[in-house]
């Protein structure tokens, strides 16, 4: 396969001190995961370049791996042009938020807080209220004992 040899020559020119097995690994990385796996399972290291080329040609001729098999269907009735599907009209309905029902935004940008955040906010306000009550009790006790407190 000429592609494999071109890649090997290119890598050898760029990295003359690189071993042949590393060159083969780098070339196989560019082949795609299916073809790479198929070739590595057939060739047990150390393999020569010819072994890699032969296994690559064998795999690509026997299977669809490593080849571009997609060809658009051709309409034989009309001049051999590829068949194109007509464009379907898209639903032009305005976008709607599934949380609040608003039409100016989606759920991810909904101005209403999520329920989880509301619960957290309620817990935080309860904690603050308890702390402020606790601080008032402490301050009143300290005042009774004639401590001077400077709040900053």
N, C-alpha and C. Protein backbone atom coordinates (compact mmCIF):
# COMPACT_ATOMS: atom_id res chain seq x y z
N UNK A 1 0.85 -1.17 0.00
CA UNK A 1 0.00 0.00 0.00
C UNK A 1 0.90 1.24 0.00
N UNK A 2 0.69 2.09 -0.96
CA UNK A 2 1.57 3.24 -1.10
C UNK A 2 1.40 4.24 0.04
N UNK A 3 0.17 4.34 0.60
CA UNK A 3 -0.05 5.28 1.69
C UNK A 3 0.82 4.92 2.89
N UNK A 4 0.89 3.64 3.22
CA UNK A 4 1.69 3.19 4.35
C UNK A 4 3.16 3.52 4.12
N UNK A 5 3.65 3.28 2.91
CA UNK A 5 5.06 3.56 2.61
C UNK A 5 5.35 5.06 2.64
N UNK A 6 4.40 5.87 2.15
CA UNK A 6 4.60 7.32 2.19
C UNK A 6 4.67 7.82 3.63
N UNK A 7 3.80 7.28 4.48
CA UNK A 7 3.82 7.68 5.88
C UNK A 7 5.11 7.24 6.56
N UNK A 8 5.58 6.06 6.21
CA UNK A 8 6.83 5.56 6.79
C UNK A 8 8.00 6.44 6.36
N UNK A 9 8.05 6.79 5.07
CA UNK A 9 9.12 7.66 4.57
C UNK A 9 9.07 9.03 5.24
N UNK A 10 7.86 9.56 5.41
CA UNK A 10 7.71 10.88 6.04
C UNK A 10 8.20 10.85 7.48
N UNK A 11 7.79 9.82 8.24
CA UNK A 11 8.22 9.72 9.64
C UNK A 11 9.71 9.45 9.76
N UNK A 12 10.25 8.67 8.86
CA UNK A 12 11.69 8.39 8.88
C UNK A 12 12.48 9.66 8.60
N UNK A 13 11.97 10.51 7.70
CA UNK A 13 12.65 11.77 7.41
C UNK A 13 12.56 12.72 8.60
N UNK A 14 11.43 12.74 9.27
CA UNK A 14 11.27 13.64 10.42
C UNK A 14 12.02 13.15 11.64
N UNK A 15 12.01 11.83 11.86
CA UNK A 15 12.64 11.23 13.04
C UNK A 15 13.55 10.09 12.60
N UNK A 16 14.76 10.40 12.17
CA UNK A 16 15.64 9.34 11.67
C UNK A 16 16.07 8.34 12.74
N UNK A 17 16.05 8.74 14.00
CA UNK A 17 16.50 7.84 15.06
C UNK A 17 15.36 6.99 15.64
N UNK A 18 14.14 7.14 15.14
CA UNK A 18 12.99 6.39 15.65
C UNK A 18 13.05 4.95 15.14
N UNK A 19 12.73 4.01 16.02
CA UNK A 19 12.77 2.60 15.63
C UNK A 19 11.61 2.28 14.69
N UNK A 20 11.75 1.17 13.98
CA UNK A 20 10.73 0.79 13.01
C UNK A 20 9.40 0.44 13.68
N UNK A 21 9.47 -0.17 14.86
CA UNK A 21 8.22 -0.52 15.55
C UNK A 21 7.46 0.73 16.00
N UNK A 22 8.18 1.77 16.44
CA UNK A 22 7.50 3.02 16.81
C UNK A 22 6.90 3.70 15.59
N UNK A 23 7.60 3.63 14.46
CA UNK A 23 7.06 4.20 13.22
C UNK A 23 5.77 3.47 12.84
N UNK A 24 5.79 2.14 12.95
CA UNK A 24 4.58 1.37 12.62
C UNK A 24 3.43 1.74 13.55
N UNK A 25 3.72 1.90 14.83
CA UNK A 25 2.67 2.26 15.79
C UNK A 25 2.06 3.62 15.47
N UNK A 26 2.90 4.58 15.11
CA UNK A 26 2.40 5.92 14.79
C UNK A 26 1.57 5.91 13.51
N UNK A 27 1.97 5.09 12.55
CA UNK A 27 1.18 4.99 11.32
C UNK A 27 -0.17 4.35 11.61
N UNK A 28 -0.16 3.30 12.42
CA UNK A 28 -1.41 2.61 12.73
C UNK A 28 -2.37 3.49 13.52
N UNK A 29 -1.84 4.41 14.32
CA UNK A 29 -2.69 5.33 15.06
C UNK A 29 -3.52 6.21 14.12
N UNK A 30 -2.98 6.49 12.93
CA UNK A 30 -3.68 7.33 11.96
C UNK A 30 -4.71 6.57 11.15
N UNK A 31 -4.74 5.26 11.26
CA UNK A 31 -5.64 4.44 10.44
C UNK A 31 -7.07 4.42 10.94
N UNK A 32 -7.31 4.72 12.16
CA UNK A 32 -8.63 4.57 12.74
C UNK A 32 -8.63 3.37 13.67
N UNK A 33 -9.48 3.41 14.67
CA UNK A 33 -9.42 2.40 15.73
C UNK A 33 -9.74 0.99 15.24
N UNK A 34 -10.70 0.82 14.35
CA UNK A 34 -11.06 -0.52 13.88
C UNK A 34 -9.94 -1.15 13.06
N UNK A 35 -9.41 -0.39 12.12
CA UNK A 35 -8.33 -0.91 11.27
C UNK A 35 -7.07 -1.13 12.10
N UNK A 36 -6.78 -0.22 13.00
CA UNK A 36 -5.62 -0.34 13.88
C UNK A 36 -5.72 -1.63 14.69
N UNK A 37 -6.87 -1.87 15.29
CA UNK A 37 -7.07 -3.08 16.10
C UNK A 37 -6.94 -4.35 15.25
N UNK A 38 -7.52 -4.32 14.06
CA UNK A 38 -7.46 -5.50 13.19
C UNK A 38 -6.04 -5.83 12.78
N UNK A 39 -5.27 -4.81 12.44
CA UNK A 39 -3.89 -5.04 12.00
C UNK A 39 -3.03 -5.50 13.17
N UNK A 40 -3.20 -4.87 14.34
CA UNK A 40 -2.39 -5.27 15.49
C UNK A 40 -2.70 -6.69 15.95
N UNK A 41 -3.95 -7.11 15.80
CA UNK A 41 -4.29 -8.48 16.20
C UNK A 41 -3.73 -9.50 15.22
N UNK A 42 -3.52 -9.11 13.97
CA UNK A 42 -2.94 -10.04 12.99
C UNK A 42 -1.42 -10.08 13.05
N UNK A 43 -0.81 -8.93 13.24
CA UNK A 43 0.66 -8.85 13.22
C UNK A 43 1.18 -8.85 14.66
N UNK A 44 1.93 -9.85 14.99
CA UNK A 44 2.55 -9.93 16.31
C UNK A 44 3.92 -9.30 16.20
N UNK A 45 4.19 -8.34 17.10
CA UNK A 45 5.45 -7.59 17.01
C UNK A 45 6.62 -8.49 17.32
N UNK A 46 7.76 -8.29 16.76
CA UNK A 46 8.10 -7.31 15.72
C UNK A 46 7.72 -7.83 14.34
N UNK A 47 7.08 -6.98 13.56
CA UNK A 47 6.67 -7.31 12.19
C UNK A 47 7.40 -6.39 11.23
N UNK A 48 7.60 -6.87 10.05
CA UNK A 48 8.23 -6.03 9.03
C UNK A 48 7.17 -5.14 8.39
N UNK A 49 7.62 -4.17 7.64
CA UNK A 49 6.72 -3.26 6.96
C UNK A 49 5.86 -4.02 5.96
N UNK A 50 6.45 -5.01 5.29
CA UNK A 50 5.70 -5.80 4.32
C UNK A 50 4.56 -6.56 4.99
N UNK A 51 4.79 -7.08 6.20
CA UNK A 51 3.73 -7.80 6.91
C UNK A 51 2.57 -6.86 7.23
N UNK A 52 2.89 -5.64 7.68
CA UNK A 52 1.83 -4.67 7.97
C UNK A 52 1.06 -4.31 6.70
N UNK A 53 1.78 -4.09 5.61
CA UNK A 53 1.13 -3.72 4.35
C UNK A 53 0.23 -4.86 3.86
N UNK A 54 0.74 -6.09 3.92
CA UNK A 54 -0.06 -7.23 3.46
C UNK A 54 -1.32 -7.41 4.30
N UNK A 55 -1.18 -7.30 5.61
CA UNK A 55 -2.36 -7.46 6.46
C UNK A 55 -3.34 -6.31 6.25
N UNK A 56 -2.84 -5.09 6.03
CA UNK A 56 -3.71 -3.95 5.79
C UNK A 56 -4.49 -4.13 4.48
N UNK A 57 -3.79 -4.57 3.43
CA UNK A 57 -4.47 -4.80 2.15
C UNK A 57 -5.50 -5.92 2.27
N UNK A 58 -5.14 -6.96 3.00
CA UNK A 58 -6.05 -8.09 3.17
C UNK A 58 -7.31 -7.66 3.92
N UNK A 59 -7.14 -6.88 4.97
CA UNK A 59 -8.29 -6.43 5.77
C UNK A 59 -9.17 -5.49 4.96
N UNK A 60 -8.57 -4.56 4.25
CA UNK A 60 -9.37 -3.58 3.51
C UNK A 60 -10.07 -4.20 2.31
N UNK A 61 -9.50 -5.26 1.71
CA UNK A 61 -10.19 -5.88 0.58
C UNK A 61 -11.30 -6.82 1.04
N UNK A 62 -11.14 -7.45 2.19
CA UNK A 62 -12.14 -8.41 2.66
C UNK A 62 -13.26 -7.77 3.47
N UNK A 63 -13.00 -6.65 4.08
CA UNK A 63 -14.00 -6.01 4.94
C UNK A 63 -14.20 -4.56 4.52
N UNK A 64 -15.13 -3.91 5.19
CA UNK A 64 -15.39 -2.49 4.94
C UNK A 64 -14.49 -1.59 5.78
N UNK A 65 -13.68 -2.20 6.63
CA UNK A 65 -12.84 -1.42 7.54
C UNK A 65 -11.77 -0.69 6.74
N UNK A 66 -11.61 0.57 7.00
CA UNK A 66 -10.54 1.35 6.38
C UNK A 66 -10.88 1.88 5.01
N UNK A 67 -12.10 1.66 4.54
CA UNK A 67 -12.49 2.18 3.24
C UNK A 67 -13.71 3.06 3.40
N UNK A 68 -13.85 3.98 2.49
CA UNK A 68 -15.02 4.84 2.48
C UNK A 68 -16.09 4.15 1.63
N UNK A 69 -17.03 3.53 2.29
CA UNK A 69 -18.05 2.77 1.58
C UNK A 69 -19.30 3.59 1.30
N UNK A 70 -19.39 4.80 1.83
CA UNK A 70 -20.61 5.57 1.62
C UNK A 70 -20.60 6.20 0.24
N UNK A 71 -21.59 5.84 -0.54
CA UNK A 71 -21.83 6.50 -1.82
C UNK A 71 -23.30 6.87 -1.83
N UNK A 72 -23.63 8.11 -2.14
CA UNK A 72 -25.05 8.47 -2.15
C UNK A 72 -25.79 7.66 -3.21
N UNK A 73 -27.03 7.27 -2.92
CA UNK A 73 -27.78 6.48 -3.90
C UNK A 73 -28.01 7.28 -5.17
N UNK A 74 -27.90 6.60 -6.30
CA UNK A 74 -28.03 7.27 -7.59
C UNK A 74 -29.37 6.88 -8.20
N UNK A 75 -30.08 7.89 -8.68
CA UNK A 75 -31.34 7.65 -9.35
C UNK A 75 -31.04 7.34 -10.81
N UNK A 76 -31.21 6.10 -11.21
CA UNK A 76 -30.89 5.70 -12.58
C UNK A 76 -31.90 6.23 -13.59
N UNK A 77 -33.06 6.64 -13.12
CA UNK A 77 -34.08 7.12 -14.04
C UNK A 77 -33.77 8.52 -14.55
N UNK A 78 -33.06 9.32 -13.76
CA UNK A 78 -32.80 10.70 -14.16
C UNK A 78 -31.31 10.96 -14.21
N UNK A 79 -30.72 10.82 -15.29
CA UNK A 79 -29.34 11.24 -15.62
C UNK A 79 -28.27 10.88 -14.59
N UNK A 80 -28.47 9.92 -13.73
CA UNK A 80 -27.43 9.46 -12.82
C UNK A 80 -27.05 10.44 -11.72
N UNK A 81 -27.91 11.39 -11.41
CA UNK A 81 -27.61 12.34 -10.33
C UNK A 81 -27.95 11.71 -8.99
N UNK A 82 -27.18 12.05 -7.94
CA UNK A 82 -27.51 11.51 -6.61
C UNK A 82 -28.88 12.00 -6.14
N UNK A 83 -29.58 11.12 -5.45
CA UNK A 83 -30.91 11.45 -4.94
C UNK A 83 -30.75 12.37 -3.73
N UNK A 84 -31.48 13.46 -3.73
CA UNK A 84 -31.47 14.36 -2.58
C UNK A 84 -32.85 14.35 -1.95
N UNK A 85 -32.88 14.33 -0.65
CA UNK A 85 -34.15 14.33 0.07
C UNK A 85 -34.66 15.76 0.15
N UNK A 86 -35.97 15.95 0.01
CA UNK A 86 -36.51 17.31 0.14
C UNK A 86 -36.39 17.78 1.58
N UNK A 87 -36.17 19.07 1.72
CA UNK A 87 -36.05 19.65 3.06
C UNK A 87 -37.41 19.63 3.75
N UNK A 88 -37.44 19.12 4.97
CA UNK A 88 -38.67 19.10 5.74
C UNK A 88 -38.84 20.45 6.42
N UNK A 89 -40.06 20.97 6.44
CA UNK A 89 -40.26 22.24 7.15
C UNK A 89 -40.09 22.03 8.65
N UNK A 90 -39.37 22.94 9.27
CA UNK A 90 -39.12 22.86 10.71
C UNK A 90 -40.27 23.52 11.46
N UNK A 91 -40.50 23.05 12.65
CA UNK A 91 -41.53 23.63 13.50
C UNK A 91 -41.05 25.00 13.96
N UNK A 92 -41.75 26.02 13.58
CA UNK A 92 -41.35 27.39 13.90
C UNK A 92 -42.01 27.91 15.17
N UNK A 93 -42.54 27.02 15.99
CA UNK A 93 -43.18 27.44 17.24
C UNK A 93 -42.14 28.08 18.15
N UNK A 94 -42.54 29.09 18.93
CA UNK A 94 -41.56 29.73 19.81
C UNK A 94 -41.06 28.75 20.87
N UNK A 95 -39.82 28.93 21.25
CA UNK A 95 -39.24 28.08 22.29
C UNK A 95 -39.94 28.34 23.61
N UNK A 96 -40.08 27.28 24.40
CA UNK A 96 -40.84 27.39 25.63
C UNK A 96 -40.06 26.78 26.77
N UNK A 97 -40.04 27.47 27.91
CA UNK A 97 -39.40 26.96 29.11
C UNK A 97 -40.32 25.90 29.73
N UNK A 98 -39.78 24.71 29.99
CA UNK A 98 -40.58 23.63 30.54
C UNK A 98 -40.77 23.76 32.05
N UNK A 99 -40.08 24.70 32.67
CA UNK A 99 -40.20 24.87 34.12
C UNK A 99 -41.32 25.85 34.48
N UNK A 100 -41.25 27.04 33.86
CA UNK A 100 -42.22 28.07 34.23
C UNK A 100 -43.23 28.35 33.12
N UNK A 101 -42.99 27.82 31.92
CA UNK A 101 -43.91 28.03 30.82
C UNK A 101 -43.67 29.30 30.04
N UNK A 102 -42.63 30.05 30.37
CA UNK A 102 -42.33 31.28 29.66
C UNK A 102 -41.80 31.01 28.26
N UNK A 103 -42.01 31.96 27.34
CA UNK A 103 -41.57 31.75 25.96
C UNK A 103 -40.32 32.55 25.62
N UNK A 104 -39.83 33.34 26.52
CA UNK A 104 -38.68 34.18 26.19
C UNK A 104 -37.34 33.52 26.53
N UNK A 105 -37.38 32.32 27.11
CA UNK A 105 -36.14 31.67 27.53
C UNK A 105 -36.36 30.16 27.59
N UNK A 106 -35.27 29.43 27.84
CA UNK A 106 -35.32 27.98 28.03
C UNK A 106 -35.05 27.66 29.50
N UNK A 107 -35.10 26.38 29.85
CA UNK A 107 -34.96 25.96 31.24
C UNK A 107 -33.60 26.36 31.81
N UNK A 108 -32.54 26.22 31.01
CA UNK A 108 -31.21 26.50 31.54
C UNK A 108 -30.99 27.97 31.87
N UNK A 109 -31.80 28.86 31.31
CA UNK A 109 -31.67 30.28 31.63
C UNK A 109 -32.92 30.82 32.32
N UNK A 110 -33.68 29.94 32.93
CA UNK A 110 -34.93 30.33 33.59
C UNK A 110 -34.62 31.24 34.78
N UNK A 111 -35.30 32.39 34.89
CA UNK A 111 -35.02 33.32 35.99
C UNK A 111 -35.53 32.81 37.34
N UNK A 112 -36.45 31.86 37.33
CA UNK A 112 -36.94 31.32 38.60
C UNK A 112 -35.93 30.33 39.14
N UNK A 113 -35.68 30.41 40.42
CA UNK A 113 -34.69 29.54 41.04
C UNK A 113 -35.19 28.11 41.02
N UNK A 114 -34.25 27.18 40.97
CA UNK A 114 -34.66 25.78 41.03
C UNK A 114 -35.11 25.44 42.43
N UNK A 115 -35.86 24.39 42.55
CA UNK A 115 -36.40 24.01 43.86
C UNK A 115 -35.29 23.68 44.84
N UNK A 116 -34.21 23.08 44.38
CA UNK A 116 -33.09 22.74 45.26
C UNK A 116 -32.48 24.01 45.84
N UNK A 117 -32.30 25.01 45.00
CA UNK A 117 -31.73 26.27 45.49
C UNK A 117 -32.68 26.95 46.47
N UNK A 118 -33.98 26.82 46.25
CA UNK A 118 -34.93 27.43 47.18
C UNK A 118 -34.83 26.77 48.55
N UNK A 119 -34.69 25.45 48.57
CA UNK A 119 -34.56 24.74 49.84
C UNK A 119 -33.28 25.17 50.55
N UNK A 120 -32.19 25.28 49.81
CA UNK A 120 -30.92 25.71 50.41
C UNK A 120 -31.06 27.12 50.97
N UNK A 121 -31.75 27.99 50.23
CA UNK A 121 -31.93 29.36 50.68
C UNK A 121 -32.75 29.40 51.97
N UNK A 122 -33.80 28.58 52.05
CA UNK A 122 -34.60 28.53 53.27
C UNK A 122 -33.77 28.06 54.45
N UNK A 123 -32.94 27.05 54.25
CA UNK A 123 -32.09 26.55 55.34
C UNK A 123 -31.10 27.62 55.78
N UNK A 124 -30.54 28.35 54.82
CA UNK A 124 -29.58 29.39 55.17
C UNK A 124 -30.25 30.51 55.98
N UNK A 125 -31.45 30.91 55.59
CA UNK A 125 -32.13 31.97 56.35
C UNK A 125 -32.49 31.49 57.74
N UNK A 126 -32.88 30.22 57.88
CA UNK A 126 -33.17 29.68 59.21
C UNK A 126 -31.92 29.68 60.07
N UNK A 127 -30.78 29.30 59.50
CA UNK A 127 -29.52 29.29 60.26
C UNK A 127 -29.15 30.71 60.68
N UNK A 128 -29.34 31.67 59.78
CA UNK A 128 -29.00 33.06 60.12
C UNK A 128 -29.90 33.57 61.24
N UNK A 129 -31.17 33.22 61.19
CA UNK A 129 -32.09 33.65 62.24
C UNK A 129 -31.70 33.04 63.58
N UNK A 130 -31.33 31.76 63.58
CA UNK A 130 -30.90 31.11 64.82
C UNK A 130 -29.63 31.75 65.35
N UNK A 131 -28.70 32.06 64.45
CA UNK A 131 -27.44 32.68 64.87
C UNK A 131 -27.69 34.08 65.42
N UNK A 132 -28.57 34.85 64.78
CA UNK A 132 -28.82 36.19 65.29
C UNK A 132 -29.51 36.13 66.65
N UNK A 133 -30.41 35.19 66.86
CA UNK A 133 -31.04 35.01 68.16
C UNK A 133 -30.01 34.61 69.20
N UNK A 134 -29.12 33.71 68.83
CA UNK A 134 -28.04 33.25 69.71
C UNK A 134 -27.13 34.42 70.09
N UNK A 135 -26.79 35.26 69.11
CA UNK A 135 -25.92 36.41 69.38
C UNK A 135 -26.61 37.41 70.31
N UNK A 136 -27.90 37.61 70.16
CA UNK A 136 -28.64 38.53 71.03
C UNK A 136 -28.62 38.04 72.47
N UNK A 137 -28.79 36.74 72.66
CA UNK A 137 -28.76 36.17 74.01
C UNK A 137 -27.39 36.36 74.63
N UNK A 138 -26.34 36.10 73.87
CA UNK A 138 -24.97 36.25 74.39
C UNK A 138 -24.69 37.70 74.73
N UNK A 139 -25.09 38.61 73.87
CA UNK A 139 -24.85 40.03 74.13
C UNK A 139 -25.59 40.50 75.38
N UNK A 140 -26.81 40.04 75.56
CA UNK A 140 -27.55 40.45 76.75
C UNK A 140 -26.90 39.90 78.02
N UNK A 141 -26.38 38.67 77.96
CA UNK A 141 -25.69 38.10 79.12
C UNK A 141 -24.41 38.88 79.43
N UNK A 142 -23.70 39.25 78.41
CA UNK A 142 -22.46 40.00 78.61
C UNK A 142 -22.75 41.39 79.18
N UNK A 143 -23.82 42.00 78.75
CA UNK A 143 -24.17 43.32 79.27
C UNK A 143 -24.56 43.24 80.74
N UNK A 144 -25.22 42.16 81.11
CA UNK A 144 -25.60 41.99 82.51
C UNK A 144 -24.37 41.88 83.39
N UNK A 145 -23.31 41.33 82.88
CA UNK A 145 -22.08 41.17 83.66
C UNK A 145 -21.13 42.35 83.48
N UNK A 146 -21.60 43.40 82.84
CA UNK A 146 -20.86 44.64 82.66
C UNK A 146 -19.62 44.49 81.77
N UNK A 147 -19.69 43.66 80.76
CA UNK A 147 -18.63 43.60 79.77
C UNK A 147 -18.91 44.64 78.71
N UNK A 148 -17.86 45.29 78.27
CA UNK A 148 -18.03 46.25 77.19
C UNK A 148 -17.69 45.56 75.87
N UNK A 149 -18.57 45.70 74.94
CA UNK A 149 -18.41 45.03 73.66
C UNK A 149 -18.33 46.09 72.57
N UNK A 150 -17.32 45.98 71.76
CA UNK A 150 -17.17 46.86 70.60
C UNK A 150 -17.42 46.02 69.35
N UNK A 151 -18.53 46.24 68.70
CA UNK A 151 -18.84 45.52 67.47
C UNK A 151 -18.33 46.32 66.29
N UNK A 152 -17.66 45.66 65.45
CA UNK A 152 -17.11 46.33 64.27
C UNK A 152 -17.99 46.08 63.09
